[in-house]
């Protein structure tokens, strides 16, 4: 019982360390809204595109943290062959018993079968950053946030160091 409780506590700690996209976005917004967009680009790199709006505002698309993760194939469990045996005990003479065990059938085993093939998964963070005419960030949101490299649920949290406990 005590071992199960410790295991449950460890799982809870690992899961509580995971940062979701929503949590990362809240940290990113609290850190960057009201800041010059140039400060963001100096720290994290240039945007991949920009879109000028009629109002004079600009929407920048920024992407970072590009990497690839290998995901190993998964398999079913192999099942070994199983023999069906029959044991007979009989008296061959008064006071003498003989027990015979023999194989009467064999069910073939089943090799492991692939459930999902190996694959590669692209990991990255993509943001839409809206700035006003003075180049001050007015809105910033994750438009595409993959899982992180480790246990994180947010690549943006990893790349932008945006964990909920690291708010400014």
C-alpha atoms as a PDB file:
ATOM      1  CA  UNK A   1       0.000   0.000   0.000  1.00  0.00           C
ATOM      2  CA  UNK A   2       2.779   2.417   0.950  1.00  0.00           C
ATOM      3  CA  UNK A   3       4.575   1.765  -2.380  1.00  0.00           C
ATOM      4  CA  UNK A   4       1.418   2.574  -4.343  1.00  0.00           C
ATOM      5  CA  UNK A   5       1.037   5.850  -2.482  1.00  0.00           C
ATOM      6  CA  UNK A   6       4.635   6.838  -3.247  1.00  0.00           C
ATOM      7  CA  UNK A   7       4.155   5.904  -6.922  1.00  0.00           C
ATOM      8  CA  UNK A   8       0.965   7.981  -7.097  1.00  0.00           C
ATOM      9  CA  UNK A   9       2.745  10.947  -5.498  1.00  0.00           C
ATOM     10  CA  UNK A  10       5.593  10.718  -8.043  1.00  0.00           C
ATOM     11  CA  UNK A  11       3.160  10.620 -10.966  1.00  0.00           C
ATOM     12  CA  UNK A  12       1.326  13.648  -9.556  1.00  0.00           C
ATOM     13  CA  UNK A  13       4.615  15.578  -9.236  1.00  0.00           C
ATOM     14  CA  UNK A  14       5.618  14.792 -12.817  1.00  0.00           C
ATOM     15  CA  UNK A  15       2.227  15.829 -14.168  1.00  0.00           C
ATOM     16  CA  UNK A  16       2.189  19.039 -12.137  1.00  0.00           C
ATOM     17  CA  UNK A  17       5.529  19.980 -13.711  1.00  0.00           C
ATOM     18  CA  UNK A  18       3.962  19.885 -17.191  1.00  0.00           C
ATOM     19  CA  UNK A  19       3.056  23.246 -18.668  1.00  0.00           C
ATOM     20  CA  UNK A  20       0.131  23.479 -21.061  1.00  0.00           C
ATOM     21  CA  UNK A  21      -0.200  25.878 -23.995  1.00  0.00           C
ATOM     22  CA  UNK A  22      -2.747  27.940 -22.049  1.00  0.00           C
ATOM     23  CA  UNK A  23      -0.443  28.307 -19.061  1.00  0.00           C
ATOM     24  CA  UNK A  24       2.509  29.193 -21.283  1.00  0.00           C
ATOM     25  CA  UNK A  25       0.406  31.729 -23.178  1.00  0.00           C
ATOM     26  CA  UNK A  26      -0.593  33.476 -19.946  1.00  0.00           C
ATOM     27  CA  UNK A  27       3.074  33.795 -18.964  1.00  0.00           C
ATOM     28  CA  UNK A  28       4.082  34.986 -22.450  1.00  0.00           C
ATOM     29  CA  UNK A  29       1.313  37.613 -22.473  1.00  0.00           C
ATOM     30  CA  UNK A  30       2.169  38.885 -18.991  1.00  0.00           C
ATOM     31  CA  UNK A  31       5.837  39.126 -19.991  1.00  0.00           C
ATOM     32  CA  UNK A  32       5.528  40.696 -23.468  1.00  0.00           C
ATOM     33  CA  UNK A  33       2.323  42.726 -23.867  1.00  0.00           C
ATOM     34  CA  UNK A  34       3.321  46.389 -23.624  1.00  0.00           C
ATOM     35  CA  UNK A  35       6.960  45.679 -24.567  1.00  0.00           C
ATOM     36  CA  UNK A  36       8.696  46.767 -27.808  1.00  0.00           C
ATOM     37  CA  UNK A  37       8.495  43.998 -30.410  1.00  0.00           C
ATOM     38  CA  UNK A  38      12.171  44.571 -31.225  1.00  0.00           C
ATOM     39  CA  UNK A  39      13.067  43.375 -27.697  1.00  0.00           C
ATOM     40  CA  UNK A  40      11.236  40.105 -28.395  1.00  0.00           C
ATOM     41  CA  UNK A  41      12.983  39.644 -31.750  1.00  0.00           C
ATOM     42  CA  UNK A  42      16.417  40.413 -30.272  1.00  0.00           C
ATOM     43  CA  UNK A  43      15.889  37.772 -27.588  1.00  0.00           C
ATOM     44  CA  UNK A  44      14.148  35.059 -29.639  1.00  0.00           C
ATOM     45  CA  UNK A  45      14.990  35.740 -33.280  1.00  0.00           C
ATOM     46  CA  UNK A  46      13.295  37.469 -36.210  1.00  0.00           C
ATOM     47  CA  UNK A  47       9.772  36.828 -37.472  1.00  0.00           C
ATOM     48  CA  UNK A  48       9.088  34.570 -40.434  1.00  0.00           C
ATOM     49  CA  UNK A  49       6.474  36.917 -41.899  1.00  0.00           C
ATOM     50  CA  UNK A  50       4.518  40.095 -41.302  1.00  0.00           C
ATOM     51  CA  UNK A  51       1.115  41.396 -42.333  1.00  0.00           C
ATOM     52  CA  UNK A  52       0.384  45.140 -42.341  1.00  0.00           C
ATOM     53  CA  UNK A  53      -3.198  46.005 -41.429  1.00  0.00           C
ATOM     54  CA  UNK A  54      -5.105  49.079 -42.658  1.00  0.00           C
ATOM     55  CA  UNK A  55      -5.142  50.424 -39.099  1.00  0.00           C
ATOM     56  CA  UNK A  56      -1.343  50.654 -39.141  1.00  0.00           C
ATOM     57  CA  UNK A  57      -0.965  47.700 -36.799  1.00  0.00           C
ATOM     58  CA  UNK A  58       1.248  44.809 -37.927  1.00  0.00           C
ATOM     59  CA  UNK A  59       0.800  41.109 -37.247  1.00  0.00           C
ATOM     60  CA  UNK A  60       4.088  39.241 -37.118  1.00  0.00           C
ATOM     61  CA  UNK A  61       4.349  35.475 -37.328  1.00  0.00           C
ATOM     62  CA  UNK A  62       7.260  34.157 -35.313  1.00  0.00           C
ATOM     63  CA  UNK A  63       8.439  30.545 -35.219  1.00  0.00           C
ATOM     64  CA  UNK A  64      11.142  28.959 -33.095  1.00  0.00           C
ATOM     65  CA  UNK A  65      12.351  25.866 -31.306  1.00  0.00           C
ATOM     66  CA  UNK A  66      12.194  23.697 -34.423  1.00  0.00           C
ATOM     67  CA  UNK A  67      13.393  20.181 -33.734  1.00  0.00           C
ATOM     68  CA  UNK A  68      12.385  16.619 -34.564  1.00  0.00           C
ATOM     69  CA  UNK A  69      11.535  13.833 -32.132  1.00  0.00           C
ATOM     70  CA  UNK A  70      11.778  10.141 -32.995  1.00  0.00           C
ATOM     71  CA  UNK A  71       8.860   8.038 -31.800  1.00  0.00           C
ATOM     72  CA  UNK A  72       9.614   4.343 -31.622  1.00  0.00           C
ATOM     73  CA  UNK A  73       7.183   1.754 -32.982  1.00  0.00           C
ATOM     74  CA  UNK A  74       4.792   0.035 -30.612  1.00  0.00           C
ATOM     75  CA  UNK A  75       4.037  -3.675 -30.650  1.00  0.00           C
ATOM     76  CA  UNK A  76       1.572  -6.123 -29.170  1.00  0.00           C
ATOM     77  CA  UNK A  77       2.980  -8.684 -26.771  1.00  0.00           C
ATOM     78  CA  UNK A  78       4.173 -11.922 -28.322  1.00  0.00           C
ATOM     79  CA  UNK A  79       2.308 -15.003 -27.168  1.00  0.00           C
ATOM     80  CA  UNK A  80       4.259 -18.248 -26.866  1.00  0.00           C
ATOM     81  CA  UNK A  81       2.990 -21.555 -28.206  1.00  0.00           C
ATOM     82  CA  UNK A  82       0.921 -23.512 -25.712  1.00  0.00           C
ATOM     83  CA  UNK A  83       0.844 -27.246 -25.387  1.00  0.00           C
ATOM     84  CA  UNK A  84      -2.241 -29.134 -24.285  1.00  0.00           C
ATOM     85  CA  UNK A  85      -1.286 -32.098 -22.148  1.00  0.00           C
ATOM     86  CA  UNK A  86      -3.264 -34.990 -20.811  1.00  0.00           C
ATOM     87  CA  UNK A  87      -2.242 -36.941 -17.747  1.00  0.00           C
ATOM     88  CA  UNK A  88      -3.649 -40.400 -17.134  1.00  0.00           C
ATOM     89  CA  UNK A  89      -3.128 -42.528 -14.098  1.00  0.00           C
ATOM     90  CA  UNK A  90      -4.096 -46.169 -14.188  1.00  0.00           C
ATOM     91  CA  UNK A  91      -3.458 -49.310 -12.221  1.00  0.00           C
ATOM     92  CA  UNK A  92      -1.541 -51.801 -14.368  1.00  0.00           C
ATOM     93  CA  UNK A  93      -1.441 -54.484 -11.656  1.00  0.00           C
ATOM     94  CA  UNK A  94      -2.914 -54.585  -8.220  1.00  0.00           C
ATOM     95  CA  UNK A  95      -0.887 -52.076  -6.155  1.00  0.00           C
ATOM     96  CA  UNK A  96       1.037 -50.695  -9.183  1.00  0.00           C
ATOM     97  CA  UNK A  97      -0.059 -47.414 -10.695  1.00  0.00           C
ATOM     98  CA  UNK A  98       1.344 -45.782 -13.783  1.00  0.00           C
ATOM     99  CA  UNK A  99       0.943 -42.094 -14.590  1.00  0.00           C
ATOM    100  CA  UNK A 100       1.458 -40.964 -18.167  1.00  0.00           C
ATOM    101  CA  UNK A 101       1.540 -37.377 -19.349  1.00  0.00           C
ATOM    102  CA  UNK A 102       1.520 -36.704 -23.048  1.00  0.00           C
ATOM    103  CA  UNK A 103       1.068 -33.762 -25.368  1.00  0.00           C
ATOM    104  CA  UNK A 104      -2.217 -34.050 -27.194  1.00  0.00           C
ATOM    105  CA  UNK A 105      -2.148 -30.747 -29.062  1.00  0.00           C
ATOM    106  CA  UNK A 106      -0.188 -27.558 -29.641  1.00  0.00           C
ATOM    107  CA  UNK A 107      -1.656 -24.107 -30.139  1.00  0.00           C
ATOM    108  CA  UNK A 108       0.852 -22.084 -32.149  1.00  0.00           C
ATOM    109  CA  UNK A 109       2.208 -18.912 -30.613  1.00  0.00           C
ATOM    110  CA  UNK A 110       1.739 -15.481 -32.066  1.00  0.00           C
ATOM    111  CA  UNK A 111       4.651 -13.165 -32.765  1.00  0.00           C
ATOM    112  CA  UNK A 112       4.513  -9.547 -31.673  1.00  0.00           C
ATOM    113  CA  UNK A 113       2.696  -7.376 -34.203  1.00  0.00           C
ATOM    114  CA  UNK A 114       3.374  -3.719 -34.906  1.00  0.00           C
ATOM    115  CA  UNK A 115       0.569  -1.439 -33.720  1.00  0.00           C
ATOM    116  CA  UNK A 116       2.117   1.805 -34.935  1.00  0.00           C
ATOM    117  CA  UNK A 117       5.216   2.228 -37.115  1.00  0.00           C
ATOM    118  CA  UNK A 118       8.188   4.362 -36.129  1.00  0.00           C
ATOM    119  CA  UNK A 119       7.820   8.008 -37.012  1.00  0.00           C
ATOM    120  CA  UNK A 120       9.280  11.441 -36.617  1.00  0.00           C
ATOM    121  CA  UNK A 121       7.341  14.340 -35.137  1.00  0.00           C
ATOM    122  CA  UNK A 122       8.176  18.010 -35.761  1.00  0.00           C
ATOM    123  CA  UNK A 123       8.220  20.137 -32.611  1.00  0.00           C
ATOM    124  CA  UNK A 124       7.995  23.939 -32.740  1.00  0.00           C
ATOM    125  CA  UNK A 125       6.365  27.059 -31.362  1.00  0.00           C
ATOM    126  CA  UNK A 126       4.552  29.551 -33.575  1.00  0.00           C
ATOM    127  CA  UNK A 127       3.235  32.893 -32.338  1.00  0.00           C
ATOM    128  CA  UNK A 128       1.108  35.668 -33.798  1.00  0.00           C
ATOM    129  CA  UNK A 129       2.347  38.999 -32.428  1.00  0.00           C
ATOM    130  CA  UNK A 130       0.210  42.096 -33.004  1.00  0.00           C
ATOM    131  CA  UNK A 131       1.922  45.470 -32.612  1.00  0.00           C
ATOM    132  CA  UNK A 132       0.562  49.000 -32.848  1.00  0.00           C
ATOM    133  CA  UNK A 133       1.993  51.844 -34.931  1.00  0.00           C
ATOM    134  CA  UNK A 134       4.685  52.471 -32.282  1.00  0.00           C
ATOM    135  CA  UNK A 135       5.833  48.802 -32.499  1.00  0.00           C
ATOM    136  CA  UNK A 136       4.575  47.983 -28.996  1.00  0.00           C
ATOM    137  CA  UNK A 137       3.160  44.473 -28.546  1.00  0.00           C
ATOM    138  CA  UNK A 138      -0.613  44.674 -28.043  1.00  0.00           C
ATOM    139  CA  UNK A 139      -1.410  40.965 -28.379  1.00  0.00           C
ATOM    140  CA  UNK A 140       0.636  37.796 -28.517  1.00  0.00           C
ATOM    141  CA  UNK A 141      -0.797  34.310 -28.856  1.00  0.00           C
ATOM    142  CA  UNK A 142       0.387  30.826 -29.663  1.00  0.00           C
ATOM    143  CA  UNK A 143      -1.070  29.945 -33.056  1.00  0.00           C
ATOM    144  CA  UNK A 144       0.673  26.562 -33.169  1.00  0.00           C
ATOM    145  CA  UNK A 145       2.235  24.918 -30.138  1.00  0.00           C
ATOM    146  CA  UNK A 146       3.339  21.288 -30.278  1.00  0.00           C
ATOM    147  CA  UNK A 147       4.236  19.063 -27.356  1.00  0.00           C
ATOM    148  CA  UNK A 148       7.607  19.774 -25.829  1.00  0.00           C
ATOM    149  CA  UNK A 149      10.754  17.676 -26.096  1.00  0.00           C
ATOM    150  CA  UNK A 150      10.567  16.323 -22.567  1.00  0.00           C
ATOM    151  CA  UNK A 151       7.459  15.912 -20.458  1.00  0.00           C
ATOM    152  CA  UNK A 152       6.206  19.387 -21.313  1.00  0.00           C
ATOM    153  CA  UNK A 153       2.882  19.756 -23.096  1.00  0.00           C
ATOM    154  CA  UNK A 154       4.034  23.052 -24.644  1.00  0.00           C
ATOM    155  CA  UNK A 155       7.020  23.640 -26.941  1.00  0.00           C
ATOM    156  CA  UNK A 156       6.419  27.392 -26.523  1.00  0.00           C
ATOM    157  CA  UNK A 157       6.910  27.040 -22.759  1.00  0.00           C
ATOM    158  CA  UNK A 158      10.267  25.356 -23.377  1.00  0.00           C
ATOM    159  CA  UNK A 159      11.507  27.723 -26.077  1.00  0.00           C
ATOM    160  CA  UNK A 160      10.357  30.961 -24.413  1.00  0.00           C
ATOM    161  CA  UNK A 161      11.087  29.782 -20.842  1.00  0.00           C
ATOM    162  CA  UNK A 162       7.418  30.464 -20.096  1.00  0.00           C
ATOM    163  CA  UNK A 163       6.568  28.238 -17.159  1.00  0.00           C
ATOM    164  CA  UNK A 164       3.839  29.469 -14.792  1.00  0.00           C
ATOM    165  CA  UNK A 165       6.285  29.761 -11.890  1.00  0.00           C
ATOM    166  CA  UNK A 166       8.521  32.104 -13.944  1.00  0.00           C
ATOM    167  CA  UNK A 167       6.195  35.080 -14.394  1.00  0.00           C
ATOM    168  CA  UNK A 168       7.761  38.484 -14.035  1.00  0.00           C
END
